[in-house]
Amino acid sequence: MSAEVLGISANVAFSQKAFAEFLKLNFPLLSDYPELKTIQAYGVLNPEPRLAQRSYFIIDKQGVIRYKKVLGRGEPLVTDEELIEQIKKIDKGT
């Protein structure tokens, strides 16, 4: 299985850094603030307030989105197991 994890949000960079340190994350959290170009390009920007919808994307080596899940308010997070299963499917070419 081959994958790289990145997080991105509309929060400022220093906030992302503090959040990652607090949670002891082993992957980078990126800031799309203030332009929000990436969040808009992926179609997950809530206009009011200007925040990203909680979303998951798995993108293959060719840059094609192979899995996308955008969560509604209060919807449970996607489990690690579900994401790993999706990555395995992509690695197998299914």
C-alpha atoms as a PDB file:
ATOM      1  CA  MET A   1       0.000   0.000   0.000  1.00  0.00           C
ATOM      2  CA  SER A   2       1.338   3.385  -0.948  1.00  0.00           C
ATOM      3  CA  ALA A   3      -0.169   6.586   0.341  1.00  0.00           C
ATOM      4  CA  GLU A   4       0.724  10.014   1.621  1.00  0.00           C
ATOM      5  CA  VAL A   5      -1.527  11.880   4.049  1.00  0.00           C
ATOM      6  CA  LEU A   6      -1.975  15.648   4.000  1.00  0.00           C
ATOM      7  CA  GLY A   7      -4.487  17.839   5.744  1.00  0.00           C
ATOM      8  CA  ILE A   8      -5.591  21.223   4.461  1.00  0.00           C
ATOM      9  CA  SER A   9      -7.951  23.826   5.848  1.00  0.00           C
ATOM     10  CA  ALA A  10      -8.948  27.475   5.761  1.00  0.00           C
ATOM     11  CA  ASN A  11      -7.158  28.083   9.071  1.00  0.00           C
ATOM     12  CA  VAL A  12      -3.976  30.148   9.268  1.00  0.00           C
ATOM     13  CA  ALA A  13      -0.644  28.311   9.224  1.00  0.00           C
ATOM     14  CA  PHE A  14       0.300  28.924  12.877  1.00  0.00           C
ATOM     15  CA  SER A  15      -3.075  27.533  13.965  1.00  0.00           C
ATOM     16  CA  GLN A  16      -2.521  24.418  11.840  1.00  0.00           C
ATOM     17  CA  LYS A  17       0.923  23.927  13.375  1.00  0.00           C
ATOM     18  CA  ALA A  18      -0.395  24.220  16.941  1.00  0.00           C
ATOM     19  CA  PHE A  19      -3.281  21.842  16.193  1.00  0.00           C
ATOM     20  CA  ALA A  20      -0.938  19.254  14.647  1.00  0.00           C
ATOM     21  CA  GLU A  21       1.393  19.465  17.638  1.00  0.00           C
ATOM     22  CA  PHE A  22      -1.503  19.178  20.099  1.00  0.00           C
ATOM     23  CA  LEU A  23      -2.800  16.035  18.365  1.00  0.00           C
ATOM     24  CA  LYS A  24       0.744  14.712  17.742  1.00  0.00           C
ATOM     25  CA  LEU A  25      -0.068  14.147  14.094  1.00  0.00           C
ATOM     26  CA  ASN A  26       2.565  12.465  11.938  1.00  0.00           C
ATOM     27  CA  PHE A  27       1.428  14.167   8.719  1.00  0.00           C
ATOM     28  CA  PRO A  28       1.444  17.814   7.651  1.00  0.00           C
ATOM     29  CA  LEU A  29      -1.524  20.141   7.985  1.00  0.00           C
ATOM     30  CA  LEU A  30      -1.481  22.791   5.295  1.00  0.00           C
ATOM     31  CA  SER A  31      -3.101  26.194   5.272  1.00  0.00           C
ATOM     32  CA  ASP A  32      -5.099  27.408   2.275  1.00  0.00           C
ATOM     33  CA  TYR A  33      -5.639  30.791   3.930  1.00  0.00           C
ATOM     34  CA  PRO A  34      -6.402  33.479   2.815  1.00  0.00           C
ATOM     35  CA  GLU A  35      -7.021  32.687  -0.876  1.00  0.00           C
ATOM     36  CA  LEU A  36      -8.741  29.289  -0.332  1.00  0.00           C
ATOM     37  CA  LYS A  37      -7.845  28.335  -3.908  1.00  0.00           C
ATOM     38  CA  THR A  38      -7.373  24.625  -3.218  1.00  0.00           C
ATOM     39  CA  ILE A  39     -10.532  24.343  -1.141  1.00  0.00           C
ATOM     40  CA  GLN A  40     -12.504  26.089  -3.890  1.00  0.00           C
ATOM     41  CA  ALA A  41     -10.907  23.965  -6.630  1.00  0.00           C
ATOM     42  CA  TYR A  42     -12.033  20.784  -4.859  1.00  0.00           C
ATOM     43  CA  GLY A  43     -15.558  22.184  -4.453  1.00  0.00           C
ATOM     44  CA  VAL A  44     -15.689  21.989  -0.663  1.00  0.00           C
ATOM     45  CA  LEU A  45     -15.874  25.643   0.392  1.00  0.00           C
ATOM     46  CA  ASN A  46     -18.794  26.726   2.537  1.00  0.00           C
ATOM     47  CA  PRO A  47     -19.409  30.340   1.556  1.00  0.00           C
ATOM     48  CA  GLU A  48     -20.688  31.376   5.009  1.00  0.00           C
ATOM     49  CA  PRO A  49     -18.537  31.212   7.002  1.00  0.00           C
ATOM     50  CA  ARG A  50     -15.623  30.780   4.614  1.00  0.00           C
ATOM     51  CA  LEU A  51     -14.599  27.352   5.850  1.00  0.00           C
ATOM     52  CA  ALA A  52     -13.905  24.039   4.167  1.00  0.00           C
ATOM     53  CA  GLN A  53     -16.376  21.210   4.497  1.00  0.00           C
ATOM     54  CA  ARG A  54     -14.784  18.197   6.187  1.00  0.00           C
ATOM     55  CA  SER A  55     -13.784  16.076   3.212  1.00  0.00           C
ATOM     56  CA  TYR A  56     -11.655  13.123   2.224  1.00  0.00           C
ATOM     57  CA  PHE A  57      -9.961  12.687  -1.137  1.00  0.00           C
ATOM     58  CA  ILE A  58      -7.762   9.885  -2.381  1.00  0.00           C
ATOM     59  CA  ILE A  59      -5.848  10.882  -5.479  1.00  0.00           C
ATOM     60  CA  ASP A  60      -3.934   8.370  -7.565  1.00  0.00           C
ATOM     61  CA  LYS A  61      -0.400   8.801  -8.887  1.00  0.00           C
ATOM     62  CA  GLN A  62      -1.768  10.302 -12.108  1.00  0.00           C
ATOM     63  CA  GLY A  63      -3.593  13.017 -10.166  1.00  0.00           C
ATOM     64  CA  VAL A  64      -7.069  11.517 -10.636  1.00  0.00           C
ATOM     65  CA  ILE A  65      -9.468  11.685  -7.698  1.00  0.00           C
ATOM     66  CA  ARG A  66     -10.356   8.055  -7.031  1.00  0.00           C
ATOM     67  CA  TYR A  67     -12.304   8.542  -3.788  1.00  0.00           C
ATOM     68  CA  LYS A  68     -14.188  11.541  -2.468  1.00  0.00           C
ATOM     69  CA  LYS A  69     -16.388  11.862   0.573  1.00  0.00           C
ATOM     70  CA  VAL A  70     -17.714  15.197   1.798  1.00  0.00           C
ATOM     71  CA  LEU A  71     -19.298  15.081   5.218  1.00  0.00           C
ATOM     72  CA  GLY A  72     -22.398  16.923   6.260  1.00  0.00           C
ATOM     73  CA  ARG A  73     -22.667  18.730   9.572  1.00  0.00           C
ATOM     74  CA  GLY A  74     -22.481  16.246  12.436  1.00  0.00           C
ATOM     75  CA  GLU A  75     -21.791  13.286  10.149  1.00  0.00           C
ATOM     76  CA  PRO A  76     -19.272  10.820  11.637  1.00  0.00           C
ATOM     77  CA  LEU A  77     -15.691  10.845  10.414  1.00  0.00           C
ATOM     78  CA  VAL A  78     -14.528   8.287   7.904  1.00  0.00           C
ATOM     79  CA  THR A  79     -12.670   5.492   9.668  1.00  0.00           C
ATOM     80  CA  ASP A  80      -9.023   4.716   9.046  1.00  0.00           C
ATOM     81  CA  GLU A  81     -10.110   1.238   7.999  1.00  0.00           C
ATOM     82  CA  GLU A  82     -12.401   2.585   5.265  1.00  0.00           C
ATOM     83  CA  LEU A  83      -9.652   4.825   3.900  1.00  0.00           C
ATOM     84  CA  ILE A  84      -7.088   2.006   3.970  1.00  0.00           C
ATOM     85  CA  GLU A  85      -9.522  -0.261   2.127  1.00  0.00           C
ATOM     86  CA  GLN A  86     -10.035   2.404  -0.555  1.00  0.00           C
ATOM     87  CA  ILE A  87      -6.248   2.825  -0.942  1.00  0.00           C
ATOM     88  CA  LYS A  88      -5.820  -0.929  -1.299  1.00  0.00           C
ATOM     89  CA  LYS A  89      -8.458  -0.957  -4.049  1.00  0.00           C
ATOM     90  CA  ILE A  90      -6.596   1.790  -5.899  1.00  0.00           C
ATOM     91  CA  ASP A  91      -3.268  -0.033  -5.491  1.00  0.00           C
ATOM     92  CA  LYS A  92      -4.873  -3.180  -6.945  1.00  0.00           C
ATOM     93  CA  GLY A  93      -6.300  -1.204  -9.835  1.00  0.00           C
ATOM     94  CA  THR A  94      -9.928  -1.918  -9.009  1.00  0.00           C
END
